[in-house]
């Protein structure tokens, strides 16, 4: 079973952060999907079609980087996989990673490869006549959704209002994009005991500062603290933060 076609689709969905007032965008927020001023959510979808007619869909992460990921898919990644035999897919994926290794271990090239990989898994599941979760060894069950809020600039009052708003809409798990302990505490105080609270701080701190900031949040019973260190792939630093008991 060989890949005969790869289609790339850029999608933009109108989006409102539900904020009371416009917040000034910081210089580094232009490509941040958690910015309160975004007016659309962008997605890059990839359709992989086999010569026997099976098709699979994958998504490339990237938001504001989608134009670069699109270019990587169109000019390099899609041509590399056209004609690939899916019976030898893992070897082909390995060869692709080696061929494109100079682009680094993260960023648009990896996003492009992940979209192809996800689509191929979709095809495999369809070929087996099974849902993908079953092919991967999972069991059928309920998957809880969570509300992922934008950043409200560490405005404690606004953060409390927003978490209350989404809780009233039925969400029992809520993720913030704030960095100040006071704003995060205001969210916890605004939520009933049955609500889960997660925080994605988007890589703002070096390890020592991350450890210090995490200690200020330890009593809030956060479900997780996401991307606390810069650079985000500093696994040694992440292990140090984790070892503090976050």
C-alpha atoms as a PDB file:
ATOM      1  CA  UNK A   1       0.000   0.000   0.000  1.00  0.00           C
ATOM      2  CA  UNK A   2       1.712   3.155  -1.243  1.00  0.00           C
ATOM      3  CA  UNK A   3       1.086   6.858  -0.738  1.00  0.00           C
ATOM      4  CA  UNK A   4      -0.244   8.366  -3.958  1.00  0.00           C
ATOM      5  CA  UNK A   5      -1.289  11.854  -2.866  1.00  0.00           C
ATOM      6  CA  UNK A   6      -0.738  14.370  -0.073  1.00  0.00           C
ATOM      7  CA  UNK A   7      -2.987  17.427   0.275  1.00  0.00           C
ATOM      8  CA  UNK A   8      -2.269  20.356   2.600  1.00  0.00           C
ATOM      9  CA  UNK A   9      -5.015  22.609   3.972  1.00  0.00           C
ATOM     10  CA  UNK A  10      -4.645  25.814   5.998  1.00  0.00           C
ATOM     11  CA  UNK A  11      -7.723  26.539   8.094  1.00  0.00           C
ATOM     12  CA  UNK A  12      -8.565  29.653  10.120  1.00  0.00           C
ATOM     13  CA  UNK A  13     -11.480  29.598  12.570  1.00  0.00           C
ATOM     14  CA  UNK A  14     -12.794  32.939  13.940  1.00  0.00           C
ATOM     15  CA  UNK A  15     -12.005  33.210  17.630  1.00  0.00           C
ATOM     16  CA  UNK A  16     -12.836  35.480  20.551  1.00  0.00           C
ATOM     17  CA  UNK A  17     -11.097  35.340  23.921  1.00  0.00           C
ATOM     18  CA  UNK A  18     -14.226  36.614  25.665  1.00  0.00           C
ATOM     19  CA  UNK A  19     -12.316  39.441  27.294  1.00  0.00           C
ATOM     20  CA  UNK A  20     -13.785  42.661  28.675  1.00  0.00           C
ATOM     21  CA  UNK A  21     -11.185  44.938  27.142  1.00  0.00           C
ATOM     22  CA  UNK A  22      -8.361  44.803  24.631  1.00  0.00           C
ATOM     23  CA  UNK A  23      -4.967  43.981  26.107  1.00  0.00           C
ATOM     24  CA  UNK A  24      -1.793  45.385  24.622  1.00  0.00           C
ATOM     25  CA  UNK A  25       0.175  42.725  22.755  1.00  0.00           C
ATOM     26  CA  UNK A  26       3.740  42.324  23.942  1.00  0.00           C
ATOM     27  CA  UNK A  27       6.522  42.098  21.391  1.00  0.00           C
ATOM     28  CA  UNK A  28       6.900  38.347  21.760  1.00  0.00           C
ATOM     29  CA  UNK A  29       3.146  37.625  21.680  1.00  0.00           C
ATOM     30  CA  UNK A  30       2.658  37.931  17.929  1.00  0.00           C
ATOM     31  CA  UNK A  31       3.187  34.202  17.382  1.00  0.00           C
ATOM     32  CA  UNK A  32       1.752  33.096  20.710  1.00  0.00           C
ATOM     33  CA  UNK A  33      -1.549  31.222  20.417  1.00  0.00           C
ATOM     34  CA  UNK A  34      -2.321  32.245  24.021  1.00  0.00           C
ATOM     35  CA  UNK A  35      -2.321  35.963  23.184  1.00  0.00           C
ATOM     36  CA  UNK A  36      -5.612  37.616  24.227  1.00  0.00           C
ATOM     37  CA  UNK A  37      -5.711  39.574  20.970  1.00  0.00           C
ATOM     38  CA  UNK A  38      -5.870  36.724  18.492  1.00  0.00           C
ATOM     39  CA  UNK A  39      -8.931  36.867  16.252  1.00  0.00           C
ATOM     40  CA  UNK A  40      -8.625  33.404  14.719  1.00  0.00           C
ATOM     41  CA  UNK A  41      -7.324  29.941  15.505  1.00  0.00           C
ATOM     42  CA  UNK A  42      -5.186  28.572  12.691  1.00  0.00           C
ATOM     43  CA  UNK A  43      -4.744  24.913  11.898  1.00  0.00           C
ATOM     44  CA  UNK A  44      -2.758  23.069   9.247  1.00  0.00           C
ATOM     45  CA  UNK A  45      -4.398  19.816   8.148  1.00  0.00           C
ATOM     46  CA  UNK A  46      -2.787  17.154   5.964  1.00  0.00           C
ATOM     47  CA  UNK A  47      -4.603  14.448   3.998  1.00  0.00           C
ATOM     48  CA  UNK A  48      -2.603  11.406   2.930  1.00  0.00           C
ATOM     49  CA  UNK A  49      -4.201   9.178   0.264  1.00  0.00           C
ATOM     50  CA  UNK A  50      -3.054   5.692  -0.714  1.00  0.00           C
ATOM     51  CA  UNK A  51      -3.218   4.101  -4.160  1.00  0.00           C
ATOM     52  CA  UNK A  52      -6.028   1.824  -2.940  1.00  0.00           C
ATOM     53  CA  UNK A  53      -8.168   4.797  -1.902  1.00  0.00           C
ATOM     54  CA  UNK A  54      -7.693   4.792   1.863  1.00  0.00           C
ATOM     55  CA  UNK A  55      -7.062   8.235   3.303  1.00  0.00           C
ATOM     56  CA  UNK A  56      -5.842   9.534   6.636  1.00  0.00           C
ATOM     57  CA  UNK A  57      -5.798  12.956   8.241  1.00  0.00           C
ATOM     58  CA  UNK A  58      -3.116  14.568  10.374  1.00  0.00           C
ATOM     59  CA  UNK A  59      -2.601  17.991  11.914  1.00  0.00           C
ATOM     60  CA  UNK A  60       0.618  19.992  12.065  1.00  0.00           C
ATOM     61  CA  UNK A  61       1.099  22.027  15.223  1.00  0.00           C
ATOM     62  CA  UNK A  62       2.254  25.577  14.696  1.00  0.00           C
ATOM     63  CA  UNK A  63      -0.409  28.325  14.843  1.00  0.00           C
ATOM     64  CA  UNK A  64       1.465  31.453  13.680  1.00  0.00           C
ATOM     65  CA  UNK A  65       4.250  29.285  12.248  1.00  0.00           C
ATOM     66  CA  UNK A  66       1.853  27.546   9.869  1.00  0.00           C
ATOM     67  CA  UNK A  67       3.120  29.391   6.752  1.00  0.00           C
ATOM     68  CA  UNK A  68       6.607  27.975   7.367  1.00  0.00           C
ATOM     69  CA  UNK A  69       5.297  24.490   8.158  1.00  0.00           C
ATOM     70  CA  UNK A  70       3.149  24.634   5.014  1.00  0.00           C
ATOM     71  CA  UNK A  71       6.229  25.480   2.968  1.00  0.00           C
ATOM     72  CA  UNK A  72       8.186  22.610   4.543  1.00  0.00           C
ATOM     73  CA  UNK A  73       5.380  20.185   3.725  1.00  0.00           C
ATOM     74  CA  UNK A  74       4.864  21.422   0.195  1.00  0.00           C
ATOM     75  CA  UNK A  75       8.494  21.670  -0.879  1.00  0.00           C
ATOM     76  CA  UNK A  76      10.248  18.911   1.086  1.00  0.00           C
ATOM     77  CA  UNK A  77       8.226  16.577   3.286  1.00  0.00           C
ATOM     78  CA  UNK A  78       5.290  15.709   1.015  1.00  0.00           C
ATOM     79  CA  UNK A  79       7.536  14.970  -2.011  1.00  0.00           C
ATOM     80  CA  UNK A  80       9.738  12.792   0.218  1.00  0.00           C
ATOM     81  CA  UNK A  81       6.793  10.587   1.229  1.00  0.00           C
ATOM     82  CA  UNK A  82       5.005  10.371  -2.119  1.00  0.00           C
ATOM     83  CA  UNK A  83       5.269   6.802  -3.365  1.00  0.00           C
ATOM     84  CA  UNK A  84       6.353   5.483   0.037  1.00  0.00           C
ATOM     85  CA  UNK A  85       5.276   1.918   0.804  1.00  0.00           C
ATOM     86  CA  UNK A  86       3.420   1.929   4.123  1.00  0.00           C
ATOM     87  CA  UNK A  87       4.629  -1.603   4.822  1.00  0.00           C
ATOM     88  CA  UNK A  88       8.067  -0.004   5.175  1.00  0.00           C
ATOM     89  CA  UNK A  89       6.850   3.250   6.677  1.00  0.00           C
ATOM     90  CA  UNK A  90       8.958   3.251   9.853  1.00  0.00           C
ATOM     91  CA  UNK A  91      12.130   2.936   7.807  1.00  0.00           C
ATOM     92  CA  UNK A  92      10.959   5.738   5.535  1.00  0.00           C
ATOM     93  CA  UNK A  93      10.193   7.963   8.533  1.00  0.00           C
ATOM     94  CA  UNK A  94      13.655   7.248   9.940  1.00  0.00           C
ATOM     95  CA  UNK A  95      15.206   8.215   6.616  1.00  0.00           C
ATOM     96  CA  UNK A  96      13.164  11.435   6.557  1.00  0.00           C
ATOM     97  CA  UNK A  97      14.367  12.413  10.029  1.00  0.00           C
ATOM     98  CA  UNK A  98      17.962  11.849   8.951  1.00  0.00           C
ATOM     99  CA  UNK A  99      17.477  13.712   5.678  1.00  0.00           C
ATOM    100  CA  UNK A 100      16.004  16.752   7.433  1.00  0.00           C
ATOM    101  CA  UNK A 101      18.022  16.648  10.661  1.00  0.00           C
ATOM    102  CA  UNK A 102      19.751  19.954   9.886  1.00  0.00           C
ATOM    103  CA  UNK A 103      16.420  21.717  10.497  1.00  0.00           C
ATOM    104  CA  UNK A 104      16.678  20.783  14.181  1.00  0.00           C
ATOM    105  CA  UNK A 105      14.781  18.580  16.613  1.00  0.00           C
ATOM    106  CA  UNK A 106      11.763  20.874  16.942  1.00  0.00           C
ATOM    107  CA  UNK A 107       9.939  23.523  14.932  1.00  0.00           C
ATOM    108  CA  UNK A 108       8.178  23.522  11.532  1.00  0.00           C
ATOM    109  CA  UNK A 109      10.015  20.518  10.078  1.00  0.00           C
ATOM    110  CA  UNK A 110       9.092  18.291  13.011  1.00  0.00           C
ATOM    111  CA  UNK A 111       5.527  19.636  12.895  1.00  0.00           C
ATOM    112  CA  UNK A 112       5.358  18.678   9.212  1.00  0.00           C
ATOM    113  CA  UNK A 113       6.645  15.161   9.888  1.00  0.00           C
ATOM    114  CA  UNK A 114       4.183  14.711  12.754  1.00  0.00           C
ATOM    115  CA  UNK A 115       1.258  15.581  10.478  1.00  0.00           C
ATOM    116  CA  UNK A 116       2.309  12.876   8.016  1.00  0.00           C
ATOM    117  CA  UNK A 117       2.838  10.400  10.858  1.00  0.00           C
ATOM    118  CA  UNK A 118      -0.599  11.043  12.369  1.00  0.00           C
ATOM    119  CA  UNK A 119      -2.259  10.630   8.973  1.00  0.00           C
ATOM    120  CA  UNK A 120      -0.462   7.319   8.409  1.00  0.00           C
ATOM    121  CA  UNK A 121      -1.692   6.017  11.773  1.00  0.00           C
ATOM    122  CA  UNK A 122      -5.207   7.014  10.707  1.00  0.00           C
ATOM    123  CA  UNK A 123      -4.764   4.969   7.516  1.00  0.00           C
ATOM    124  CA  UNK A 124      -3.453   1.971   9.442  1.00  0.00           C
ATOM    125  CA  UNK A 125      -6.501   1.975  11.695  1.00  0.00           C
ATOM    126  CA  UNK A 126      -8.852   2.160   8.717  1.00  0.00           C
ATOM    127  CA  UNK A 127      -6.986  -0.668   6.980  1.00  0.00           C
ATOM    128  CA  UNK A 128      -7.467  -2.818  10.096  1.00  0.00           C
ATOM    129  CA  UNK A 129     -11.118  -1.811  10.402  1.00  0.00           C
ATOM    130  CA  UNK A 130     -10.555  -0.554  13.945  1.00  0.00           C
ATOM    131  CA  UNK A 131     -10.689   2.806  15.702  1.00  0.00           C
ATOM    132  CA  UNK A 132      -7.171   4.104  16.269  1.00  0.00           C
ATOM    133  CA  UNK A 133      -7.385   3.967  20.067  1.00  0.00           C
ATOM    134  CA  UNK A 134      -8.046   0.231  19.767  1.00  0.00           C
ATOM    135  CA  UNK A 135      -5.193  -0.306  17.318  1.00  0.00           C
ATOM    136  CA  UNK A 136      -2.875   1.385  19.826  1.00  0.00           C
ATOM    137  CA  UNK A 137      -4.070  -0.898  22.621  1.00  0.00           C
ATOM    138  CA  UNK A 138      -6.386   1.522  24.383  1.00  0.00           C
ATOM    139  CA  UNK A 139      -9.799   0.782  25.825  1.00  0.00           C
ATOM    140  CA  UNK A 140     -13.037   2.564  25.095  1.00  0.00           C
ATOM    141  CA  UNK A 141     -13.919   5.173  27.661  1.00  0.00           C
ATOM    142  CA  UNK A 142     -14.911   8.736  28.285  1.00  0.00           C
ATOM    143  CA  UNK A 143     -12.424  11.450  27.345  1.00  0.00           C
ATOM    144  CA  UNK A 144     -12.820  14.621  29.350  1.00  0.00           C
ATOM    145  CA  UNK A 145     -12.403  17.969  27.625  1.00  0.00           C
ATOM    146  CA  UNK A 146     -10.714  20.935  29.221  1.00  0.00           C
ATOM    147  CA  UNK A 147     -11.029  24.639  28.497  1.00  0.00           C
ATOM    148  CA  UNK A 148      -7.716  26.217  27.495  1.00  0.00           C
ATOM    149  CA  UNK A 149      -7.898  29.955  28.139  1.00  0.00           C
ATOM    150  CA  UNK A 150      -5.734  32.649  26.593  1.00  0.00           C
ATOM    151  CA  UNK A 151      -3.506  34.836  28.748  1.00  0.00           C
ATOM    152  CA  UNK A 152      -5.257  37.742  30.448  1.00  0.00           C
ATOM    153  CA  UNK A 153      -2.021  39.512  31.322  1.00  0.00           C
ATOM    154  CA  UNK A 154      -1.983  38.256  34.932  1.00  0.00           C
ATOM    155  CA  UNK A 155      -5.053  40.392  35.658  1.00  0.00           C
ATOM    156  CA  UNK A 156      -6.360  38.544  38.724  1.00  0.00           C
ATOM    157  CA  UNK A 157      -9.888  39.918  38.487  1.00  0.00           C
ATOM    158  CA  UNK A 158     -10.196  39.069  34.797  1.00  0.00           C
ATOM    159  CA  UNK A 159      -8.735  35.589  35.290  1.00  0.00           C
ATOM    160  CA  UNK A 160     -11.253  34.862  38.051  1.00  0.00           C
ATOM    161  CA  UNK A 161     -14.103  36.077  35.844  1.00  0.00           C
ATOM    162  CA  UNK A 162     -13.011  33.934  32.924  1.00  0.00           C
ATOM    163  CA  UNK A 163     -12.593  30.681  34.857  1.00  0.00           C
ATOM    164  CA  UNK A 164     -16.007  31.225  36.439  1.00  0.00           C
ATOM    165  CA  UNK A 165     -17.475  31.805  32.963  1.00  0.00           C
ATOM    166  CA  UNK A 166     -16.146  28.553  31.504  1.00  0.00           C
ATOM    167  CA  UNK A 167     -17.027  26.598  34.648  1.00  0.00           C
ATOM    168  CA  UNK A 168     -20.617  27.785  34.247  1.00  0.00           C
ATOM    169  CA  UNK A 169     -20.513  26.474  30.672  1.00  0.00           C
ATOM    170  CA  UNK A 170     -19.844  22.974  31.989  1.00  0.00           C
ATOM    171  CA  UNK A 171     -16.056  22.631  31.963  1.00  0.00           C
ATOM    172  CA  UNK A 172     -14.621  21.001  35.062  1.00  0.00           C
ATOM    173  CA  UNK A 173     -10.983  21.128  33.908  1.00  0.00           C
ATOM    174  CA  UNK A 174      -9.484  24.499  33.013  1.00  0.00           C
ATOM    175  CA  UNK A 175      -6.023  25.496  31.813  1.00  0.00           C
ATOM    176  CA  UNK A 176      -4.570  28.955  32.353  1.00  0.00           C
ATOM    177  CA  UNK A 177      -1.812  30.783  30.486  1.00  0.00           C
ATOM    178  CA  UNK A 178      -0.767  33.084  33.328  1.00  0.00           C
ATOM    179  CA  UNK A 179       2.621  33.369  35.043  1.00  0.00           C
ATOM    180  CA  UNK A 180       1.918  35.353  38.228  1.00  0.00           C
ATOM    181  CA  UNK A 181       1.114  33.389  41.366  1.00  0.00           C
ATOM    182  CA  UNK A 182      -1.516  35.954  42.385  1.00  0.00           C
ATOM    183  CA  UNK A 183      -3.465  35.509  39.142  1.00  0.00           C
ATOM    184  CA  UNK A 184      -3.292  31.721  39.391  1.00  0.00           C
ATOM    185  CA  UNK A 185      -4.459  31.844  43.005  1.00  0.00           C
ATOM    186  CA  UNK A 186      -7.402  34.009  42.001  1.00  0.00           C
ATOM    187  CA  UNK A 187      -8.442  31.313  39.532  1.00  0.00           C
ATOM    188  CA  UNK A 188      -8.269  28.616  42.184  1.00  0.00           C
ATOM    189  CA  UNK A 189     -10.294  30.757  44.596  1.00  0.00           C
ATOM    190  CA  UNK A 190     -12.969  31.370  41.957  1.00  0.00           C
ATOM    191  CA  UNK A 191     -13.483  27.655  41.285  1.00  0.00           C
ATOM    192  CA  UNK A 192     -15.372  25.039  43.324  1.00  0.00           C
ATOM    193  CA  UNK A 193     -13.509  22.068  44.754  1.00  0.00           C
ATOM    194  CA  UNK A 194     -14.570  19.761  41.911  1.00  0.00           C
ATOM    195  CA  UNK A 195     -12.657  21.799  39.296  1.00  0.00           C
ATOM    196  CA  UNK A 196      -9.221  20.801  38.022  1.00  0.00           C
ATOM    197  CA  UNK A 197      -6.773  23.619  37.333  1.00  0.00           C
ATOM    198  CA  UNK A 198      -3.751  23.408  35.022  1.00  0.00           C
ATOM    199  CA  UNK A 199      -1.243  26.119  34.132  1.00  0.00           C
ATOM    200  CA  UNK A 200       0.784  26.533  30.933  1.00  0.00           C
ATOM    201  CA  UNK A 201       3.324  29.315  31.437  1.00  0.00           C
ATOM    202  CA  UNK A 202       4.874  29.058  27.936  1.00  0.00           C
ATOM    203  CA  UNK A 203       8.572  28.669  28.842  1.00  0.00           C
ATOM    204  CA  UNK A 204       9.271  31.963  30.668  1.00  0.00           C
ATOM    205  CA  UNK A 205      11.891  30.978  33.258  1.00  0.00           C
ATOM    206  CA  UNK A 206      15.409  29.671  33.619  1.00  0.00           C
ATOM    207  CA  UNK A 207      15.641  26.641  35.940  1.00  0.00           C
ATOM    208  CA  UNK A 208      16.283  28.409  39.266  1.00  0.00           C
ATOM    209  CA  UNK A 209      13.434  30.857  38.708  1.00  0.00           C
ATOM    210  CA  UNK A 210      11.146  28.023  37.579  1.00  0.00           C
ATOM    211  CA  UNK A 211      11.840  26.152  40.814  1.00  0.00           C
ATOM    212  CA  UNK A 212      11.141  29.290  42.850  1.00  0.00           C
ATOM    213  CA  UNK A 213       7.911  30.060  41.003  1.00  0.00           C
ATOM    214  CA  UNK A 214       6.724  26.460  41.230  1.00  0.00           C
ATOM    215  CA  UNK A 215       7.189  26.530  45.002  1.00  0.00           C
ATOM    216  CA  UNK A 216       4.713  29.432  45.175  1.00  0.00           C
ATOM    217  CA  UNK A 217       2.062  27.273  43.499  1.00  0.00           C
ATOM    218  CA  UNK A 218       2.624  23.990  45.293  1.00  0.00           C
ATOM    219  CA  UNK A 219      -0.318  24.338  47.678  1.00  0.00           C
ATOM    220  CA  UNK A 220      -2.817  24.966  44.845  1.00  0.00           C
ATOM    221  CA  UNK A 221      -3.039  21.286  43.862  1.00  0.00           C
ATOM    222  CA  UNK A 222      -2.441  21.989  40.172  1.00  0.00           C
ATOM    223  CA  UNK A 223      -3.021  19.038  37.864  1.00  0.00           C
ATOM    224  CA  UNK A 224       0.095  20.076  35.964  1.00  0.00           C
ATOM    225  CA  UNK A 225       2.509  22.952  35.390  1.00  0.00           C
ATOM    226  CA  UNK A 226       3.315  23.071  31.682  1.00  0.00           C
ATOM    227  CA  UNK A 227       6.490  24.357  29.992  1.00  0.00           C
ATOM    228  CA  UNK A 228       8.075  26.037  33.022  1.00  0.00           C
ATOM    229  CA  UNK A 229      11.625  26.389  31.637  1.00  0.00           C
ATOM    230  CA  UNK A 230      13.449  27.972  28.742  1.00  0.00           C
ATOM    231  CA  UNK A 231      14.449  26.432  26.423  1.00  0.00           C
ATOM    232  CA  UNK A 232      11.456  24.056  26.508  1.00  0.00           C
ATOM    233  CA  UNK A 233      13.480  20.982  25.510  1.00  0.00           C
ATOM    234  CA  UNK A 234      15.955  21.335  28.393  1.00  0.00           C
ATOM    235  CA  UNK A 235      15.068  17.952  29.858  1.00  0.00           C
ATOM    236  CA  UNK A 236      17.649  18.170  32.642  1.00  0.00           C
ATOM    237  CA  UNK A 237      16.124  21.426  33.864  1.00  0.00           C
ATOM    238  CA  UNK A 238      12.610  19.996  33.625  1.00  0.00           C
ATOM    239  CA  UNK A 239      13.705  17.041  35.750  1.00  0.00           C
ATOM    240  CA  UNK A 240      15.090  19.453  38.356  1.00  0.00           C
ATOM    241  CA  UNK A 241      11.789  21.327  38.524  1.00  0.00           C
ATOM    242  CA  UNK A 242       9.856  18.069  38.689  1.00  0.00           C
ATOM    243  CA  UNK A 243      12.047  16.810  41.530  1.00  0.00           C
ATOM    244  CA  UNK A 244      10.910  19.715  43.716  1.00  0.00           C
ATOM    245  CA  UNK A 245       7.514  18.072  43.962  1.00  0.00           C
ATOM    246  CA  UNK A 246       5.497  20.181  41.547  1.00  0.00           C
END
